[in-house]
Amino acid sequence: AFWPGTFRRMAYDPRFGLRIAEVLLAQGIEAETVKMFGGITFMVNGNMGVGITSKGDLLVKFSPERHEEAVEWRGAKPFPMGRGDNKGILLVNPDAVESNKALEKWIELSLEHVLTLPPKVKKPRKRTT
């Protein structure tokens, strides 16, 4: 579950994380937050949906079939990890999602895909003694 304390000592604006959580909750989604990419991601049924990078960009995972469309949206930029073919994942400049309407558009794009994925079950942590 999302807790405001999750955002302590993070490099990004915690209000941005609260805005994302509010949009998700308004959609009836209770996302789990996980530290990732130097920031935080919102996991939906164990699958990565959206997040905030350490640089403050919105990270959005969505259907690869919509990549050519989404890359043209205001503020979209490539996700520079891996081997270069990152269709279905983009970064978004935080200035481009200052309005709730713009933020909702990106989150809805992600949910449209993530909600079709099978839930991932957490693997139990190995105990170290």
C-alpha atoms as a PDB file:
ATOM      1  CA  ALA A   1       0.000   0.000   0.000  1.00  0.00           C
ATOM      2  CA  PHE A   2       1.046   3.596  -0.474  1.00  0.00           C
ATOM      3  CA  TRP A   3       2.189   5.522   2.560  1.00  0.00           C
ATOM      4  CA  PRO A   4       3.452   9.126   2.517  1.00  0.00           C
ATOM      5  CA  GLY A   5       6.442   8.062   4.637  1.00  0.00           C
ATOM      6  CA  THR A   6       7.668   6.075   1.625  1.00  0.00           C
ATOM      7  CA  PHE A   7       8.869   9.347   0.141  1.00  0.00           C
ATOM      8  CA  ARG A   8      11.262  10.376   2.902  1.00  0.00           C
ATOM      9  CA  ARG A   9      14.848  10.987   1.788  1.00  0.00           C
ATOM     10  CA  MET A  10      13.987  10.708  -1.896  1.00  0.00           C
ATOM     11  CA  ALA A  11      15.448  12.914  -4.616  1.00  0.00           C
ATOM     12  CA  TYR A  12      12.081  13.789  -6.171  1.00  0.00           C
ATOM     13  CA  ASP A  13       9.116  15.859  -5.051  1.00  0.00           C
ATOM     14  CA  PRO A  14       6.948  13.744  -2.716  1.00  0.00           C
ATOM     15  CA  ARG A  15       3.891  15.761  -3.776  1.00  0.00           C
ATOM     16  CA  PHE A  16       4.278  14.253  -7.239  1.00  0.00           C
ATOM     17  CA  GLY A  17       4.045  10.783  -5.710  1.00  0.00           C
ATOM     18  CA  LEU A  18       0.951  11.784  -3.764  1.00  0.00           C
ATOM     19  CA  ARG A  19      -0.666  13.081  -6.957  1.00  0.00           C
ATOM     20  CA  ILE A  20       0.001   9.753  -8.686  1.00  0.00           C
ATOM     21  CA  ALA A  21      -1.397   7.817  -5.716  1.00  0.00           C
ATOM     22  CA  GLU A  22      -4.536   9.983  -5.730  1.00  0.00           C
ATOM     23  CA  VAL A  23      -5.128   9.374  -9.451  1.00  0.00           C
ATOM     24  CA  LEU A  24      -4.682   5.633  -8.958  1.00  0.00           C
ATOM     25  CA  LEU A  25      -7.032   5.585  -5.961  1.00  0.00           C
ATOM     26  CA  ALA A  26      -9.637   7.560  -7.935  1.00  0.00           C
ATOM     27  CA  GLN A  27      -9.477   4.722 -10.501  1.00  0.00           C
ATOM     28  CA  GLY A  28     -10.043   2.196  -7.703  1.00  0.00           C
ATOM     29  CA  ILE A  29      -6.422   1.025  -7.791  1.00  0.00           C
ATOM     30  CA  GLU A  30      -4.497   0.404  -4.586  1.00  0.00           C
ATOM     31  CA  ALA A  31      -0.927   0.248  -5.802  1.00  0.00           C
ATOM     32  CA  GLU A  32       2.062  -0.955  -3.853  1.00  0.00           C
ATOM     33  CA  THR A  33       5.104   1.322  -3.917  1.00  0.00           C
ATOM     34  CA  VAL A  34       8.549  -0.120  -4.527  1.00  0.00           C
ATOM     35  CA  LYS A  35      11.913   1.622  -4.720  1.00  0.00           C
ATOM     36  CA  MET A  36      13.222   1.284  -8.268  1.00  0.00           C
ATOM     37  CA  PHE A  37      15.306   3.265 -10.793  1.00  0.00           C
ATOM     38  CA  GLY A  38      16.570   5.488  -7.992  1.00  0.00           C
ATOM     39  CA  GLY A  39      12.991   6.563  -7.354  1.00  0.00           C
ATOM     40  CA  ILE A  40       9.723   4.791  -6.736  1.00  0.00           C
ATOM     41  CA  THR A  41       7.311   2.757  -8.816  1.00  0.00           C
ATOM     42  CA  PHE A  42       3.655   1.990  -8.319  1.00  0.00           C
ATOM     43  CA  MET A  43       2.999  -1.712  -8.736  1.00  0.00           C
ATOM     44  CA  VAL A  44      -0.467  -2.870  -9.807  1.00  0.00           C
ATOM     45  CA  ASN A  45      -1.105  -6.543  -9.073  1.00  0.00           C
ATOM     46  CA  GLY A  46       2.669  -6.949  -8.836  1.00  0.00           C
ATOM     47  CA  ASN A  47       3.291  -5.397 -12.262  1.00  0.00           C
ATOM     48  CA  MET A  48       5.088  -2.087 -12.783  1.00  0.00           C
ATOM     49  CA  GLY A  49       2.712   0.630 -13.922  1.00  0.00           C
ATOM     50  CA  VAL A  50       4.022   4.144 -13.374  1.00  0.00           C
ATOM     51  CA  GLY A  51       6.753   5.647 -11.273  1.00  0.00           C
ATOM     52  CA  ILE A  52       9.033   8.561 -10.593  1.00  0.00           C
ATOM     53  CA  THR A  53      12.723   8.359 -11.446  1.00  0.00           C
ATOM     54  CA  SER A  54      15.495   9.812  -9.323  1.00  0.00           C
ATOM     55  CA  LYS A  55      15.566  12.772 -11.730  1.00  0.00           C
ATOM     56  CA  GLY A  56      11.865  13.453 -11.175  1.00  0.00           C
ATOM     57  CA  ASP A  57      10.592  12.162 -14.521  1.00  0.00           C
ATOM     58  CA  LEU A  58       7.359  10.198 -14.704  1.00  0.00           C
ATOM     59  CA  LEU A  59       8.040   6.641 -15.841  1.00  0.00           C
ATOM     60  CA  VAL A  60       5.146   4.997 -17.702  1.00  0.00           C
ATOM     61  CA  LYS A  61       4.810   1.365 -18.769  1.00  0.00           C
ATOM     62  CA  PHE A  62       2.123   0.650 -21.366  1.00  0.00           C
ATOM     63  CA  SER A  63       1.235  -1.545 -24.334  1.00  0.00           C
ATOM     64  CA  PRO A  64       4.064  -1.633 -26.890  1.00  0.00           C
ATOM     65  CA  GLU A  65       1.425  -1.344 -29.640  1.00  0.00           C
ATOM     66  CA  ARG A  66       0.735   2.246 -28.494  1.00  0.00           C
ATOM     67  CA  HIS A  67       4.389   3.316 -28.395  1.00  0.00           C
ATOM     68  CA  GLU A  68       4.419   5.217 -31.718  1.00  0.00           C
ATOM     69  CA  GLU A  69       1.356   7.190 -30.573  1.00  0.00           C
ATOM     70  CA  ALA A  70       2.550   7.886 -27.017  1.00  0.00           C
ATOM     71  CA  VAL A  71       6.063   8.956 -28.013  1.00  0.00           C
ATOM     72  CA  GLU A  72       4.421  11.947 -29.747  1.00  0.00           C
ATOM     73  CA  TRP A  73       2.604  13.103 -26.603  1.00  0.00           C
ATOM     74  CA  ARG A  74       3.855  16.246 -24.898  1.00  0.00           C
ATOM     75  CA  GLY A  75       6.867  15.644 -22.661  1.00  0.00           C
ATOM     76  CA  ALA A  76       7.542  12.050 -23.775  1.00  0.00           C
ATOM     77  CA  LYS A  77      11.158  10.946 -24.063  1.00  0.00           C
ATOM     78  CA  PRO A  78      12.958   7.619 -24.486  1.00  0.00           C
ATOM     79  CA  PHE A  79      13.667   5.337 -21.558  1.00  0.00           C
ATOM     80  CA  PRO A  80      17.448   4.935 -21.769  1.00  0.00           C
ATOM     81  CA  MET A  81      17.988   1.522 -20.195  1.00  0.00           C
ATOM     82  CA  GLY A  82      18.748  -1.866 -21.594  1.00  0.00           C
ATOM     83  CA  ARG A  83      19.570  -2.506 -25.206  1.00  0.00           C
ATOM     84  CA  GLY A  84      17.585   0.327 -26.718  1.00  0.00           C
ATOM     85  CA  ASP A  85      14.300  -1.347 -27.734  1.00  0.00           C
ATOM     86  CA  ASN A  86      12.097  -0.057 -24.961  1.00  0.00           C
ATOM     87  CA  LYS A  87       8.762  -0.008 -26.732  1.00  0.00           C
ATOM     88  CA  GLY A  88       6.027   0.280 -24.163  1.00  0.00           C
ATOM     89  CA  ILE A  89       7.973   2.337 -21.665  1.00  0.00           C
ATOM     90  CA  LEU A  90       8.695   6.058 -21.730  1.00  0.00           C
ATOM     91  CA  LEU A  91       9.802   8.852 -19.465  1.00  0.00           C
ATOM     92  CA  VAL A  92       7.723  12.012 -19.251  1.00  0.00           C
ATOM     93  CA  ASN A  93       9.057  15.436 -18.355  1.00  0.00           C
ATOM     94  CA  PRO A  94       7.420  16.505 -15.057  1.00  0.00           C
ATOM     95  CA  ASP A  95       6.437  19.868 -16.590  1.00  0.00           C
ATOM     96  CA  ALA A  96       4.225  17.986 -19.056  1.00  0.00           C
ATOM     97  CA  VAL A  97       2.135  16.446 -16.254  1.00  0.00           C
ATOM     98  CA  GLU A  98       1.623  19.483 -14.039  1.00  0.00           C
ATOM     99  CA  SER A  99      -2.108  19.395 -14.748  1.00  0.00           C
ATOM    100  CA  ASN A 100      -4.146  16.549 -13.299  1.00  0.00           C
ATOM    101  CA  LYS A 101      -5.716  15.966 -16.720  1.00  0.00           C
ATOM    102  CA  ALA A 102      -2.300  15.341 -18.314  1.00  0.00           C
ATOM    103  CA  LEU A 103      -1.193  13.079 -15.451  1.00  0.00           C
ATOM    104  CA  GLU A 104      -4.450  11.117 -15.661  1.00  0.00           C
ATOM    105  CA  LYS A 105      -3.933  10.589 -19.414  1.00  0.00           C
ATOM    106  CA  TRP A 106      -0.549   8.919 -18.860  1.00  0.00           C
ATOM    107  CA  ILE A 107      -1.755   6.848 -15.902  1.00  0.00           C
ATOM    108  CA  GLU A 108      -4.807   5.677 -17.849  1.00  0.00           C
ATOM    109  CA  LEU A 109      -2.515   4.643 -20.729  1.00  0.00           C
ATOM    110  CA  SER A 110      -0.534   2.526 -18.265  1.00  0.00           C
ATOM    111  CA  LEU A 111      -3.558   1.018 -16.529  1.00  0.00           C
ATOM    112  CA  GLU A 112      -5.105   0.093 -19.883  1.00  0.00           C
ATOM    113  CA  HIS A 113      -2.165  -2.300 -20.330  1.00  0.00           C
ATOM    114  CA  VAL A 114      -1.150  -3.274 -16.792  1.00  0.00           C
ATOM    115  CA  LEU A 115      -4.659  -4.369 -15.812  1.00  0.00           C
ATOM    116  CA  THR A 116      -4.595  -6.947 -18.634  1.00  0.00           C
ATOM    117  CA  LEU A 117      -1.458  -8.619 -17.255  1.00  0.00           C
ATOM    118  CA  PRO A 118      -1.659 -11.615 -14.934  1.00  0.00           C
ATOM    119  CA  PRO A 119      -0.927 -10.793 -11.302  1.00  0.00           C
ATOM    120  CA  LYS A 120       2.616 -11.469 -10.151  1.00  0.00           C
ATOM    121  CA  VAL A 121       2.987 -13.254  -6.871  1.00  0.00           C
ATOM    122  CA  LYS A 122       5.717 -11.995  -4.571  1.00  0.00           C
ATOM    123  CA  LYS A 123       8.468 -14.491  -4.055  1.00  0.00           C
ATOM    124  CA  PRO A 124       9.315 -15.020  -0.392  1.00  0.00           C
ATOM    125  CA  ARG A 125      12.610 -13.513   0.649  1.00  0.00           C
ATOM    126  CA  LYS A 126      15.382 -15.924   1.431  1.00  0.00           C
ATOM    127  CA  ARG A 127      16.329 -15.824   5.074  1.00  0.00           C
ATOM    128  CA  THR A 128      19.946 -15.140   5.800  1.00  0.00           C
ATOM    129  CA  THR A 129      21.411 -16.182   9.101  1.00  0.00           C
END
